PDB file of all heavy atoms in Angstrom:
ATOM      1  N   VAL A   1       0.856  -1.176   0.000  1.00  0.00           N
ATOM      2  CA  VAL A   1       0.000   0.000   0.000  1.00  0.00           C
ATOM      3  C   VAL A   1       0.892   1.226   0.000  1.00  0.00           C
ATOM      4  O   VAL A   1       1.763   1.366   0.855  1.00  0.00           O
ATOM      5  CB  VAL A   1      -0.942   0.034   1.223  1.00  0.00           C
ATOM      6  CG1 VAL A   1      -1.880   1.230   1.133  1.00  0.00           C
ATOM      7  CG2 VAL A   1      -1.720  -1.258   1.340  1.00  0.00           C
ATOM      8  N   GLN A   2       0.676   2.112  -0.944  1.00  0.00           N
ATOM      9  CA  GLN A   2       1.529   3.292  -1.070  1.00  0.00           C
ATOM     10  C   GLN A   2       0.685   4.493  -1.475  1.00  0.00           C
ATOM     11  O   GLN A   2      -0.185   4.381  -2.342  1.00  0.00           O
ATOM     12  CB  GLN A   2       2.614   3.037  -2.123  1.00  0.00           C
ATOM     13  CG  GLN A   2       3.563   4.200  -2.355  1.00  0.00           C
ATOM     14  CD  GLN A   2       4.504   3.942  -3.516  1.00  0.00           C
ATOM     15  OE1 GLN A   2       4.199   3.137  -4.397  1.00  0.00           O
ATOM     16  NE2 GLN A   2       5.648   4.602  -3.513  1.00  0.00           N
ATOM     17  N   SER A   3       0.919   5.625  -0.852  1.00  0.00           N
ATOM     18  CA  SER A   3       0.260   6.859  -1.280  1.00  0.00           C
ATOM     19  C   SER A   3       1.302   7.777  -1.914  1.00  0.00           C
ATOM     20  O   SER A   3       2.405   7.951  -1.389  1.00  0.00           O
ATOM     21  CB  SER A   3      -0.432   7.554  -0.105  1.00  0.00           C
ATOM     22  OG  SER A   3       0.484   7.914   0.899  1.00  0.00           O
ATOM     23  N   ILE A   4       0.928   8.340  -3.046  1.00  0.00           N
ATOM     24  CA  ILE A   4       1.828   9.197  -3.823  1.00  0.00           C
ATOM     25  C   ILE A   4       1.215  10.584  -3.910  1.00  0.00           C
ATOM     26  O   ILE A   4       0.069  10.739  -4.357  1.00  0.00           O
ATOM     27  CB  ILE A   4       2.043   8.627  -5.239  1.00  0.00           C
ATOM     28  CG1 ILE A   4       2.524   7.170  -5.143  1.00  0.00           C
ATOM     29  CG2 ILE A   4       3.030   9.467  -6.018  1.00  0.00           C
ATOM     30  CD1 ILE A   4       2.470   6.439  -6.454  1.00  0.00           C
ATOM     31  N   LEU A   5       1.949  11.589  -3.492  1.00  0.00           N
ATOM     32  CA  LEU A   5       1.435  12.955  -3.449  1.00  0.00           C
ATOM     33  C   LEU A   5       1.750  13.689  -4.742  1.00  0.00           C
ATOM     34  O   LEU A   5       2.890  13.675  -5.217  1.00  0.00           O
ATOM     35  CB  LEU A   5       2.040  13.710  -2.264  1.00  0.00           C
ATOM     36  CG  LEU A   5       1.889  13.061  -0.881  1.00  0.00           C
ATOM     37  CD1 LEU A   5       2.464  13.991   0.190  1.00  0.00           C
ATOM     38  CD2 LEU A   5       0.433  12.736  -0.585  1.00  0.00           C
ATOM     39  N   TYR A   6       0.736  14.330  -5.289  1.00  0.00           N
ATOM     40  CA  TYR A   6       0.894  15.201  -6.443  1.00  0.00           C
ATOM     41  C   TYR A   6       0.448  16.602  -6.040  1.00  0.00           C
ATOM     42  O   TYR A   6      -0.006  16.840  -4.914  1.00  0.00           O
ATOM     43  CB  TYR A   6       0.077  14.686  -7.627  1.00  0.00           C
ATOM     44  CG  TYR A   6       0.545  13.349  -8.147  1.00  0.00           C
ATOM     45  CD1 TYR A   6      -0.032  12.167  -7.685  1.00  0.00           C
ATOM     46  CD2 TYR A   6       1.556  13.266  -9.094  1.00  0.00           C
ATOM     47  CE1 TYR A   6       0.392  10.936  -8.155  1.00  0.00           C
ATOM     48  CE2 TYR A   6       1.987  12.034  -9.575  1.00  0.00           C
ATOM     49  CZ  TYR A   6       1.396  10.873  -9.105  1.00  0.00           C
ATOM     50  OH  TYR A   6       1.826   9.657  -9.565  1.00  0.00           O
ATOM     51  N   GLU A   7       0.556  17.526  -6.952  1.00  0.00           N
ATOM     52  CA  GLU A   7       0.276  18.924  -6.618  1.00  0.00           C
ATOM     53  C   GLU A   7      -1.165  19.141  -6.180  1.00  0.00           C
ATOM     54  O   GLU A   7      -1.430  19.824  -5.202  1.00  0.00           O
ATOM     55  CB  GLU A   7       0.593  19.821  -7.821  1.00  0.00           C
ATOM     56  CG  GLU A   7       0.400  21.314  -7.524  1.00  0.00           C
ATOM     57  CD  GLU A   7       0.784  22.185  -8.702  1.00  0.00           C
ATOM     58  OE1 GLU A   7       1.333  21.651  -9.695  1.00  0.00           O
ATOM     59  OE2 GLU A   7       0.544  23.400  -8.630  1.00  0.00           O
ATOM     60  N   SER A   8      -2.130  18.560  -6.892  1.00  0.00           N
ATOM     61  CA  SER A   8      -3.540  18.815  -6.597  1.00  0.00           C
ATOM     62  C   SER A   8      -4.315  17.586  -6.165  1.00  0.00           C
ATOM     63  O   SER A   8      -5.483  17.678  -5.802  1.00  0.00           O
ATOM     64  CB  SER A   8      -4.229  19.426  -7.824  1.00  0.00           C
ATOM     65  OG  SER A   8      -4.130  18.559  -8.938  1.00  0.00           O
ATOM     66  N   PHE A   9      -3.685  16.417  -6.211  1.00  0.00           N
ATOM     67  CA  PHE A   9      -4.382  15.202  -5.807  1.00  0.00           C
ATOM     68  C   PHE A   9      -3.385  14.207  -5.239  1.00  0.00           C
ATOM     69  O   PHE A   9      -2.169  14.403  -5.291  1.00  0.00           O
ATOM     70  CB  PHE A   9      -5.145  14.593  -6.987  1.00  0.00           C
ATOM     71  CG  PHE A   9      -4.273  14.205  -8.153  1.00  0.00           C
ATOM     72  CD1 PHE A   9      -3.717  12.939  -8.247  1.00  0.00           C
ATOM     73  CD2 PHE A   9      -4.005  15.124  -9.166  1.00  0.00           C
ATOM     74  CE1 PHE A   9      -2.921  12.579  -9.309  1.00  0.00           C
ATOM     75  CE2 PHE A   9      -3.200  14.770 -10.239  1.00  0.00           C
ATOM     76  CZ  PHE A   9      -2.646  13.504 -10.317  1.00  0.00           C
ATOM     77  N   VAL A  10      -3.911  13.139  -4.661  1.00  0.00           N
ATOM     78  CA  VAL A  10      -3.086  12.072  -4.104  1.00  0.00           C
ATOM     79  C   VAL A  10      -3.578  10.748  -4.662  1.00  0.00           C
ATOM     80  O   VAL A  10      -4.776  10.539  -4.849  1.00  0.00           O
ATOM     81  CB  VAL A  10      -3.142  12.077  -2.556  1.00  0.00           C
ATOM     82  CG1 VAL A  10      -4.562  11.912  -2.061  1.00  0.00           C
ATOM     83  CG2 VAL A  10      -2.251  10.992  -1.984  1.00  0.00           C
ATOM     84  N   CYS A  11      -2.646   9.857  -4.929  1.00  0.00           N
ATOM     85  CA  CYS A  11      -2.970   8.536  -5.455  1.00  0.00           C
ATOM     86  C   CYS A  11      -2.598   7.487  -4.405  1.00  0.00           C
ATOM     87  O   CYS A  11      -1.458   7.461  -3.926  1.00  0.00           O
ATOM     88  CB  CYS A  11      -2.216   8.270  -6.760  1.00  0.00           C
ATOM     89  SG  CYS A  11      -2.295   6.555  -7.337  1.00  0.00           S
ATOM     90  N   VAL A  12      -3.550   6.641  -4.051  1.00  0.00           N
ATOM     91  CA  VAL A  12      -3.278   5.507  -3.168  1.00  0.00           C
ATOM     92  C   VAL A  12      -3.206   4.264  -4.045  1.00  0.00           C
ATOM     93  O   VAL A  12      -4.188   3.910  -4.717  1.00  0.00           O
ATOM     94  CB  VAL A  12      -4.367   5.349  -2.092  1.00  0.00           C
ATOM     95  CG1 VAL A  12      -4.062   4.131  -1.219  1.00  0.00           C
ATOM     96  CG2 VAL A  12      -4.460   6.605  -1.244  1.00  0.00           C
ATOM     97  N   ARG A  13      -2.045   3.629  -4.032  1.00  0.00           N
ATOM     98  CA  ARG A  13      -1.800   2.485  -4.911  1.00  0.00           C
ATOM     99  C   ARG A  13      -1.700   1.212  -4.072  1.00  0.00           C
ATOM    100  O   ARG A  13      -0.919   1.144  -3.125  1.00  0.00           O
ATOM    101  CB  ARG A  13      -0.520   2.713  -5.696  1.00  0.00           C
ATOM    102  CG  ARG A  13      -0.159   1.612  -6.681  1.00  0.00           C
ATOM    103  CD  ARG A  13       1.105   1.982  -7.433  1.00  0.00           C
ATOM    104  NE  ARG A  13       0.882   3.158  -8.280  1.00  0.00           N
ATOM    105  CZ  ARG A  13       1.855   3.939  -8.724  1.00  0.00           C
ATOM    106  NH1 ARG A  13       3.114   3.699  -8.381  1.00  0.00           N
ATOM    107  NH2 ARG A  13       1.583   4.974  -9.499  1.00  0.00           N
ATOM    108  N   ILE A  14      -2.499   0.212  -4.431  1.00  0.00           N
ATOM    109  CA  ILE A  14      -2.496  -1.085  -3.747  1.00  0.00           C
ATOM    110  C   ILE A  14      -2.085  -2.148  -4.760  1.00  0.00           C
ATOM    111  O   ILE A  14      -2.755  -2.337  -5.779  1.00  0.00           O
ATOM    112  CB  ILE A  14      -3.870  -1.403  -3.146  1.00  0.00           C
ATOM    113  CG1 ILE A  14      -4.251  -0.325  -2.113  1.00  0.00           C
ATOM    114  CG2 ILE A  14      -3.875  -2.786  -2.495  1.00  0.00           C
ATOM    115  CD1 ILE A  14      -5.649  -0.458  -1.567  1.00  0.00           C
ATOM    116  N   VAL A  15      -0.967  -2.823  -4.471  1.00  0.00           N
ATOM    117  CA  VAL A  15      -0.371  -3.766  -5.422  1.00  0.00           C
ATOM    118  C   VAL A  15      -0.341  -5.159  -4.804  1.00  0.00           C
ATOM    119  O   VAL A  15       0.141  -5.342  -3.680  1.00  0.00           O
ATOM    120  CB  VAL A  15       1.063  -3.343  -5.812  1.00  0.00           C
ATOM    121  CG1 VAL A  15       1.635  -4.302  -6.840  1.00  0.00           C
ATOM    122  CG2 VAL A  15       1.073  -1.904  -6.320  1.00  0.00           C
ATOM    123  N   ASP A  16      -0.868  -6.138  -5.538  1.00  0.00           N
ATOM    124  CA  ASP A  16      -0.779  -7.528  -5.086  1.00  0.00           C
ATOM    125  C   ASP A  16      -0.074  -8.376  -6.138  1.00  0.00           C
ATOM    126  O   ASP A  16       0.199  -7.911  -7.246  1.00  0.00           O
ATOM    127  CB  ASP A  16      -2.171  -8.097  -4.762  1.00  0.00           C
ATOM    128  CG  ASP A  16      -3.050  -8.256  -5.990  1.00  0.00           C
ATOM    129  OD1 ASP A  16      -2.638  -8.926  -6.956  1.00  0.00           O
ATOM    130  OD2 ASP A  16      -4.192  -7.737  -5.986  1.00  0.00           O
ATOM    131  N   HIS A  17       0.223  -9.629  -5.783  1.00  0.00           N
ATOM    132  CA  HIS A  17       0.882 -10.570  -6.692  1.00  0.00           C
ATOM    133  C   HIS A  17      -0.004 -11.800  -6.862  1.00  0.00           C
ATOM    134  O   HIS A  17       0.480 -12.938  -6.792  1.00  0.00           O
ATOM    135  CB  HIS A  17       2.269 -10.947  -6.149  1.00  0.00           C
ATOM    136  CG  HIS A  17       3.166  -9.771  -5.931  1.00  0.00           C
ATOM    137  ND1 HIS A  17       3.823  -9.134  -6.964  1.00  0.00           N
ATOM    138  CD2 HIS A  17       3.474  -9.084  -4.803  1.00  0.00           C
ATOM    139  CE1 HIS A  17       4.529  -8.128  -6.475  1.00  0.00           C
ATOM    140  NE2 HIS A  17       4.333  -8.070  -5.163  1.00  0.00           N
ATOM    141  N   GLY A  18      -1.290 -11.530  -7.074  1.00  0.00           N
ATOM    142  CA  GLY A  18      -2.266 -12.600  -7.136  1.00  0.00           C
ATOM    143  C   GLY A  18      -2.542 -13.111  -8.534  1.00  0.00           C
ATOM    144  O   GLY A  18      -1.709 -13.001  -9.438  1.00  0.00           O
ATOM    145  N   ILE A  19      -3.750 -13.634  -8.722  1.00  0.00           N
ATOM    146  CA  ILE A  19      -4.104 -14.324  -9.966  1.00  0.00           C
ATOM    147  C   ILE A  19      -4.346 -13.366 -11.118  1.00  0.00           C
ATOM    148  O   ILE A  19      -4.370 -13.777 -12.279  1.00  0.00           O
ATOM    149  CB  ILE A  19      -5.351 -15.203  -9.759  1.00  0.00           C
ATOM    150  CG1 ILE A  19      -6.557 -14.345  -9.337  1.00  0.00           C
ATOM    151  CG2 ILE A  19      -5.074 -16.278  -8.722  1.00  0.00           C
ATOM    152  CD1 ILE A  19      -7.838 -15.137  -9.203  1.00  0.00           C
ATOM    153  N   GLY A  20      -4.540 -12.080 -10.825  1.00  0.00           N
ATOM    154  CA  GLY A  20      -4.753 -11.104 -11.885  1.00  0.00           C
ATOM    155  C   GLY A  20      -6.143 -11.203 -12.500  1.00  0.00           C
ATOM    156  O   GLY A  20      -6.972 -12.042 -12.125  1.00  0.00           O
ATOM    157  N   ILE A  21      -6.402 -10.319 -13.457  1.00  0.00           N
ATOM    158  CA  ILE A  21      -7.715 -10.233 -14.112  1.00  0.00           C
ATOM    159  C   ILE A  21      -7.508 -10.365 -15.615  1.00  0.00           C
ATOM    160  O   ILE A  21      -6.660  -9.659 -16.185  1.00  0.00           O
ATOM    161  CB  ILE A  21      -8.386  -8.883 -13.808  1.00  0.00           C
ATOM    162  CG1 ILE A  21      -8.477  -8.657 -12.293  1.00  0.00           C
ATOM    163  CG2 ILE A  21      -9.774  -8.809 -14.445  1.00  0.00           C
ATOM    164  CD1 ILE A  21      -8.821  -7.229 -11.916  1.00  0.00           C
ATOM    165  N   PRO A  22      -8.255 -11.233 -16.280  1.00  0.00           N
ATOM    166  CA  PRO A  22      -8.124 -11.333 -17.740  1.00  0.00           C
ATOM    167  C   PRO A  22      -8.350  -9.981 -18.403  1.00  0.00           C
ATOM    168  O   PRO A  22      -9.232  -9.215 -17.981  1.00  0.00           O
ATOM    169  CB  PRO A  22      -9.215 -12.338 -18.126  1.00  0.00           C
ATOM    170  CG  PRO A  22      -9.436 -13.158 -16.889  1.00  0.00           C
ATOM    171  CD  PRO A  22      -9.205 -12.218 -15.743  1.00  0.00           C
ATOM    172  N   GLU A  23      -7.568  -9.671 -19.414  1.00  0.00           N
ATOM    173  CA  GLU A  23      -7.622  -8.350 -20.047  1.00  0.00           C
ATOM    174  C   GLU A  23      -9.011  -8.016 -20.568  1.00  0.00           C
ATOM    175  O   GLU A  23      -9.478  -6.886 -20.425  1.00  0.00           O
ATOM    176  CB  GLU A  23      -6.607  -8.288 -21.187  1.00  0.00           C
ATOM    177  CG  GLU A  23      -6.518  -6.921 -21.855  1.00  0.00           C
ATOM    178  CD  GLU A  23      -5.446  -6.863 -22.925  1.00  0.00           C
ATOM    179  OE1 GLU A  23      -4.730  -7.862 -23.094  1.00  0.00           O
ATOM    180  OE2 GLU A  23      -5.319  -5.808 -23.583  1.00  0.00           O
ATOM    181  N   GLU A  24      -9.700  -8.989 -21.153  1.00  0.00           N
ATOM    182  CA  GLU A  24     -11.011  -8.729 -21.733  1.00  0.00           C
ATOM    183  C   GLU A  24     -12.100  -8.504 -20.681  1.00  0.00           C
ATOM    184  O   GLU A  24     -13.195  -8.051 -20.997  1.00  0.00           O
ATOM    185  CB  GLU A  24     -11.428  -9.890 -22.647  1.00  0.00           C
ATOM    186  CG  GLU A  24     -11.636 -11.226 -21.947  1.00  0.00           C
ATOM    187  CD  GLU A  24     -10.338 -12.022 -21.781  1.00  0.00           C
ATOM    188  OE1 GLU A  24      -9.257 -11.433 -22.018  1.00  0.00           O
ATOM    189  OE2 GLU A  24     -10.423 -13.207 -21.420  1.00  0.00           O
ATOM    190  N   GLU A  25     -11.787  -8.762 -19.407  1.00  0.00           N
ATOM    191  CA  GLU A  25     -12.774  -8.592 -18.346  1.00  0.00           C
ATOM    192  C   GLU A  25     -12.504  -7.363 -17.486  1.00  0.00           C
ATOM    193  O   GLU A  25     -13.310  -7.043 -16.606  1.00  0.00           O
ATOM    194  CB  GLU A  25     -12.810  -9.843 -17.458  1.00  0.00           C
ATOM    195  CG  GLU A  25     -13.232 -11.097 -18.198  1.00  0.00           C
ATOM    196  CD  GLU A  25     -13.259 -12.319 -17.294  1.00  0.00           C
ATOM    197  OE1 GLU A  25     -13.139 -12.139 -16.059  1.00  0.00           O
ATOM    198  OE2 GLU A  25     -13.399 -13.443 -17.800  1.00  0.00           O
ATOM    199  N   GLN A  26     -11.411  -6.677 -17.712  1.00  0.00           N
ATOM    200  CA  GLN A  26     -11.031  -5.584 -16.825  1.00  0.00           C
ATOM    201  C   GLN A  26     -11.998  -4.403 -16.889  1.00  0.00           C
ATOM    202  O   GLN A  26     -12.098  -3.625 -15.950  1.00  0.00           O
ATOM    203  CB  GLN A  26      -9.606  -5.130 -17.143  1.00  0.00           C
ATOM    204  CG  GLN A  26      -8.559  -6.169 -16.783  1.00  0.00           C
ATOM    205  CD  GLN A  26      -7.137  -5.729 -17.087  1.00  0.00           C
ATOM    206  OE1 GLN A  26      -6.860  -4.541 -17.248  1.00  0.00           O
ATOM    207  NE2 GLN A  26      -6.215  -6.685 -17.169  1.00  0.00           N
ATOM    208  N   GLY A  27     -12.728  -4.263 -17.998  1.00  0.00           N
ATOM    209  CA  GLY A  27     -13.715  -3.180 -18.090  1.00  0.00           C
ATOM    210  C   GLY A  27     -15.022  -3.500 -17.410  1.00  0.00           C
ATOM    211  O   GLY A  27     -15.905  -2.637 -17.326  1.00  0.00           O
ATOM    212  N   LYS A  28     -15.170  -4.715 -16.895  1.00  0.00           N
ATOM    213  CA  LYS A  28     -16.436  -5.129 -16.290  1.00  0.00           C
ATOM    214  C   LYS A  28     -16.376  -5.271 -14.776  1.00  0.00           C
ATOM    215  O   LYS A  28     -17.410  -5.449 -14.135  1.00  0.00           O
ATOM    216  CB  LYS A  28     -16.876  -6.483 -16.876  1.00  0.00           C
ATOM    217  CG  LYS A  28     -16.988  -6.512 -18.382  1.00  0.00           C
ATOM    218  CD  LYS A  28     -17.327  -7.921 -18.862  1.00  0.00           C
ATOM    219  CE  LYS A  28     -17.375  -8.006 -20.378  1.00  0.00           C
ATOM    220  NZ  LYS A  28     -17.659  -9.385 -20.836  1.00  0.00           N
ATOM    221  N   ILE A  29     -15.180  -5.199 -14.200  1.00  0.00           N
ATOM    222  CA  ILE A  29     -15.035  -5.567 -12.788  1.00  0.00           C
ATOM    223  C   ILE A  29     -15.733  -4.610 -11.824  1.00  0.00           C
ATOM    224  O   ILE A  29     -15.956  -4.966 -10.666  1.00  0.00           O
ATOM    225  CB  ILE A  29     -13.549  -5.680 -12.403  1.00  0.00           C
ATOM    226  CG1 ILE A  29     -12.834  -4.342 -12.641  1.00  0.00           C
ATOM    227  CG2 ILE A  29     -12.871  -6.795 -13.172  1.00  0.00           C
ATOM    228  CD1 ILE A  29     -11.403  -4.329 -12.144  1.00  0.00           C
ATOM    229  N   PHE A  30     -16.081  -3.397 -12.292  1.00  0.00           N
ATOM    230  CA  PHE A  30     -16.773  -2.454 -11.411  1.00  0.00           C
ATOM    231  C   PHE A  30     -18.291  -2.567 -11.534  1.00  0.00           C
ATOM    232  O   PHE A  30     -19.018  -1.803 -10.895  1.00  0.00           O
ATOM    233  CB  PHE A  30     -16.334  -1.025 -11.717  1.00  0.00           C
ATOM    234  CG  PHE A  30     -14.900  -0.756 -11.362  1.00  0.00           C
ATOM    235  CD1 PHE A  30     -13.950  -0.587 -12.342  1.00  0.00           C
ATOM    236  CD2 PHE A  30     -14.503  -0.692 -10.033  1.00  0.00           C
ATOM    237  CE1 PHE A  30     -12.622  -0.339 -12.022  1.00  0.00           C
ATOM    238  CE2 PHE A  30     -13.182  -0.448  -9.694  1.00  0.00           C
ATOM    239  CZ  PHE A  30     -12.240  -0.280 -10.700  1.00  0.00           C
ATOM    240  N   GLN A  31     -18.776  -3.500 -12.337  1.00  0.00           N
ATOM    241  CA  GLN A  31     -20.212  -3.715 -12.428  1.00  0.00           C
ATOM    242  C   GLN A  31     -20.702  -4.450 -11.184  1.00  0.00           C
ATOM    243  O   GLN A  31     -20.001  -5.308 -10.640  1.00  0.00           O
ATOM    244  CB  GLN A  31     -20.564  -4.534 -13.677  1.00  0.00           C
ATOM    245  CG  GLN A  31     -20.221  -3.843 -14.993  1.00  0.00           C
ATOM    246  CD  GLN A  31     -20.505  -4.728 -16.186  1.00  0.00           C
ATOM    247  OE1 GLN A  31     -21.115  -5.782 -16.058  1.00  0.00           O
ATOM    248  NE2 GLN A  31     -20.060  -4.287 -17.360  1.00  0.00           N
ATOM    249  N   ARG A  32     -21.902  -4.097 -10.761  1.00  0.00           N
ATOM    250  CA  ARG A  32     -22.456  -4.735  -9.571  1.00  0.00           C
ATOM    251  C   ARG A  32     -22.709  -6.217  -9.835  1.00  0.00           C
ATOM    252  O   ARG A  32     -23.271  -6.598 -10.848  1.00  0.00           O
ATOM    253  CB  ARG A  32     -23.757  -4.033  -9.157  1.00  0.00           C
ATOM    254  CG  ARG A  32     -24.367  -4.601  -7.895  1.00  0.00           C
ATOM    255  CD  ARG A  32     -25.405  -3.694  -7.301  1.00  0.00           C
ATOM    256  NE  ARG A  32     -26.338  -3.166  -8.284  1.00  0.00           N
ATOM    257  CZ  ARG A  32     -27.407  -2.461  -7.961  1.00  0.00           C
ATOM    258  NH1 ARG A  32     -27.654  -2.169  -6.698  1.00  0.00           N
ATOM    259  NH2 ARG A  32     -28.223  -2.012  -8.889  1.00  0.00           N
ATOM    260  N   PHE A  33     -22.271  -7.052  -8.909  1.00  0.00           N
ATOM    261  CA  PHE A  33     -22.448  -8.509  -8.927  1.00  0.00           C
ATOM    262  C   PHE A  33     -21.624  -9.201 -10.022  1.00  0.00           C
ATOM    263  O   PHE A  33     -21.831 -10.385 -10.276  1.00  0.00           O
ATOM    264  CB  PHE A  33     -23.930  -8.903  -9.067  1.00  0.00           C
ATOM    265  CG  PHE A  33     -24.821  -8.285  -8.030  1.00  0.00           C
ATOM    266  CD1 PHE A  33     -25.931  -7.555  -8.395  1.00  0.00           C
ATOM    267  CD2 PHE A  33     -24.539  -8.439  -6.682  1.00  0.00           C
ATOM    268  CE1 PHE A  33     -26.750  -6.977  -7.444  1.00  0.00           C
ATOM    269  CE2 PHE A  33     -25.359  -7.870  -5.716  1.00  0.00           C
ATOM    270  CZ  PHE A  33     -26.460  -7.136  -6.095  1.00  0.00           C
ATOM    271  N   TYR A  34     -20.702  -8.469 -10.657  1.00  0.00           N
ATOM    272  CA  TYR A  34     -19.872  -9.130 -11.671  1.00  0.00           C
ATOM    273  C   TYR A  34     -18.702  -9.840 -11.001  1.00  0.00           C
ATOM    274  O   TYR A  34     -18.039  -9.288 -10.121  1.00  0.00           O
ATOM    275  CB  TYR A  34     -19.330  -8.124 -12.688  1.00  0.00           C
ATOM    276  CG  TYR A  34     -18.485  -8.784 -13.741  1.00  0.00           C
ATOM    277  CD1 TYR A  34     -19.079  -9.403 -14.841  1.00  0.00           C
ATOM    278  CD2 TYR A  34     -17.094  -8.840 -13.629  1.00  0.00           C
ATOM    279  CE1 TYR A  34     -18.312 -10.045 -15.798  1.00  0.00           C
ATOM    280  CE2 TYR A  34     -16.325  -9.475 -14.580  1.00  0.00           C
ATOM    281  CZ  TYR A  34     -16.934 -10.074 -15.658  1.00  0.00           C
ATOM    282  OH  TYR A  34     -16.171 -10.715 -16.599  1.00  0.00           O
ATOM    283  N   ARG A  35     -18.455 -11.072 -11.430  1.00  0.00           N
ATOM    284  CA  ARG A  35     -17.310 -11.839 -10.930  1.00  0.00           C
ATOM    285  C   ARG A  35     -16.536 -12.399 -12.113  1.00  0.00           C
ATOM    286  O   ARG A  35     -17.130 -12.901 -13.078  1.00  0.00           O
ATOM    287  CB  ARG A  35     -17.766 -12.976 -10.010  1.00  0.00           C
ATOM    288  CG  ARG A  35     -18.598 -12.497  -8.813  1.00  0.00           C
ATOM    289  CD  ARG A  35     -18.575 -13.514  -7.708  1.00  0.00           C
ATOM    290  NE  ARG A  35     -17.255 -13.559  -7.089  1.00  0.00           N
ATOM    291  CZ  ARG A  35     -16.729 -14.670  -6.570  1.00  0.00           C
ATOM    292  NH1 ARG A  35     -17.378 -15.812  -6.632  1.00  0.00           N
ATOM    293  NH2 ARG A  35     -15.532 -14.642  -6.009  1.00  0.00           N
ATOM    294  N   GLY A  36     -15.227 -12.314 -12.033  1.00  0.00           N
ATOM    295  CA  GLY A  36     -14.382 -12.765 -13.120  1.00  0.00           C
ATOM    296  C   GLY A  36     -14.456 -14.266 -13.347  1.00  0.00           C
ATOM    297  O   GLY A  36     -14.821 -15.042 -12.443  1.00  0.00           O
ATOM    298  N   SER A  37     -14.104 -14.686 -14.546  1.00  0.00           N
ATOM    299  CA  SER A  37     -14.176 -16.101 -14.897  1.00  0.00           C
ATOM    300  C   SER A  37     -13.154 -16.946 -14.144  1.00  0.00           C
ATOM    301  O   SER A  37     -13.314 -18.163 -14.033  1.00  0.00           O
ATOM    302  CB  SER A  37     -13.953 -16.265 -16.409  1.00  0.00           C
ATOM    303  OG  SER A  37     -12.690 -15.725 -16.787  1.00  0.00           O
ATOM    304  N   ASN A  38     -12.110 -16.315 -13.601  1.00  0.00           N
ATOM    305  CA  ASN A  38     -11.071 -17.071 -12.909  1.00  0.00           C
ATOM    306  C   ASN A  38     -11.182 -17.003 -11.384  1.00  0.00           C
ATOM    307  O   ASN A  38     -10.245 -17.367 -10.676  1.00  0.00           O
ATOM    308  CB  ASN A  38      -9.682 -16.583 -13.336  1.00  0.00           C
ATOM    309  CG  ASN A  38      -9.447 -15.113 -13.021  1.00  0.00           C
ATOM    310  OD1 ASN A  38     -10.397 -14.347 -12.889  1.00  0.00           O
ATOM    311  ND2 ASN A  38      -8.184 -14.718 -12.913  1.00  0.00           N
ATOM    312  N   VAL A  39     -12.331 -16.549 -10.856  1.00  0.00           N
ATOM    313  CA  VAL A  39     -12.496 -16.467  -9.397  1.00  0.00           C
ATOM    314  C   VAL A  39     -13.731 -17.237  -8.930  1.00  0.00           C
ATOM    315  O   VAL A  39     -14.199 -17.039  -7.809  1.00  0.00           O
ATOM    316  CB  VAL A  39     -12.588 -14.997  -8.916  1.00  0.00           C
ATOM    317  CG1 VAL A  39     -11.323 -14.257  -9.264  1.00  0.00           C
ATOM    318  CG2 VAL A  39     -13.807 -14.295  -9.498  1.00  0.00           C
ATOM    319  N   THR A  40     -14.261 -18.101  -9.775  1.00  0.00           N
ATOM    320  CA  THR A  40     -15.494 -18.809  -9.410  1.00  0.00           C
ATOM    321  C   THR A  40     -15.305 -19.726  -8.212  1.00  0.00           C
ATOM    322  O   THR A  40     -16.274 -20.074  -7.532  1.00  0.00           O
ATOM    323  CB  THR A  40     -16.004 -19.631 -10.602  1.00  0.00           C
ATOM    324  OG1 THR A  40     -14.942 -20.471 -11.091  1.00  0.00           O
ATOM    325  CG2 THR A  40     -16.468 -18.716 -11.736  1.00  0.00           C
ATOM    326  N   GLY A  41     -14.067 -20.123  -7.941  1.00  0.00           N
ATOM    327  CA  GLY A  41     -13.821 -21.001  -6.806  1.00  0.00           C
ATOM    328  C   GLY A  41     -13.683 -20.265  -5.488  1.00  0.00           C
ATOM    329  O   GLY A  41     -13.528 -20.894  -4.435  1.00  0.00           O
ATOM    330  N   LYS A  42     -13.748 -18.941  -5.510  1.00  0.00           N
ATOM    331  CA  LYS A  42     -13.623 -18.135  -4.293  1.00  0.00           C
ATOM    332  C   LYS A  42     -14.984 -17.581  -3.877  1.00  0.00           C
ATOM    333  O   LYS A  42     -15.857 -17.324  -4.711  1.00  0.00           O
ATOM    334  CB  LYS A  42     -12.663 -16.960  -4.533  1.00  0.00           C
ATOM    335  CG  LYS A  42     -11.247 -17.369  -4.934  1.00  0.00           C
ATOM    336  CD  LYS A  42     -10.474 -17.894  -3.752  1.00  0.00           C
ATOM    337  CE  LYS A  42      -9.013 -18.135  -4.139  1.00  0.00           C
ATOM    338  NZ  LYS A  42      -8.215 -18.619  -2.996  1.00  0.00           N
ATOM    339  N   GLN A  43     -15.160 -17.405  -2.567  1.00  0.00           N
ATOM    340  CA  GLN A  43     -16.398 -16.820  -2.078  1.00  0.00           C
ATOM    341  C   GLN A  43     -16.487 -15.352  -2.464  1.00  0.00           C
ATOM    342  O   GLN A  43     -15.487 -14.635  -2.468  1.00  0.00           O
ATOM    343  CB  GLN A  43     -16.483 -16.939  -0.554  1.00  0.00           C
ATOM    344  CG  GLN A  43     -16.755 -18.347  -0.051  1.00  0.00           C
ATOM    345  CD  GLN A  43     -16.897 -18.376   1.461  1.00  0.00           C
ATOM    346  OE1 GLN A  43     -16.230 -17.636   2.176  1.00  0.00           O
ATOM    347  NE2 GLN A  43     -17.776 -19.217   1.952  1.00  0.00           N
ATOM    348  N   GLY A  44     -17.683 -14.884  -2.749  1.00  0.00           N
ATOM    349  CA  GLY A  44     -17.874 -13.481  -3.080  1.00  0.00           C
ATOM    350  C   GLY A  44     -19.125 -13.275  -3.912  1.00  0.00           C
ATOM    351  O   GLY A  44     -19.649 -14.216  -4.522  1.00  0.00           O
ATOM    352  N   PHE A  45     -19.588 -12.014  -3.940  1.00  0.00           N
ATOM    353  CA  PHE A  45     -20.793 -11.680  -4.682  1.00  0.00           C
ATOM    354  C   PHE A  45     -20.568 -10.570  -5.702  1.00  0.00           C
ATOM    355  O   PHE A  45     -21.505 -10.094  -6.325  1.00  0.00           O
ATOM    356  CB  PHE A  45     -21.915 -11.259  -3.717  1.00  0.00           C
ATOM    357  CG  PHE A  45     -22.372 -12.359  -2.811  1.00  0.00           C
ATOM    358  CD1 PHE A  45     -21.942 -12.418  -1.497  1.00  0.00           C
ATOM    359  CD2 PHE A  45     -23.216 -13.347  -3.271  1.00  0.00           C
ATOM    360  CE1 PHE A  45     -22.357 -13.435  -0.658  1.00  0.00           C
ATOM    361  CE2 PHE A  45     -23.640 -14.371  -2.442  1.00  0.00           C
ATOM    362  CZ  PHE A  45     -23.204 -14.421  -1.128  1.00  0.00           C
TER     363      PHE A  45
END
């Protein structure tokens, strides 16, 4: 977890080394109730 200060805003960056997200699904991950094709074995809604 890292916060980076800029002149008018701040960016909080969270970096993991996990399974990642398929490129074709990255535009959908903020949809309500959407779950990626590679996380079906994990709990979540």
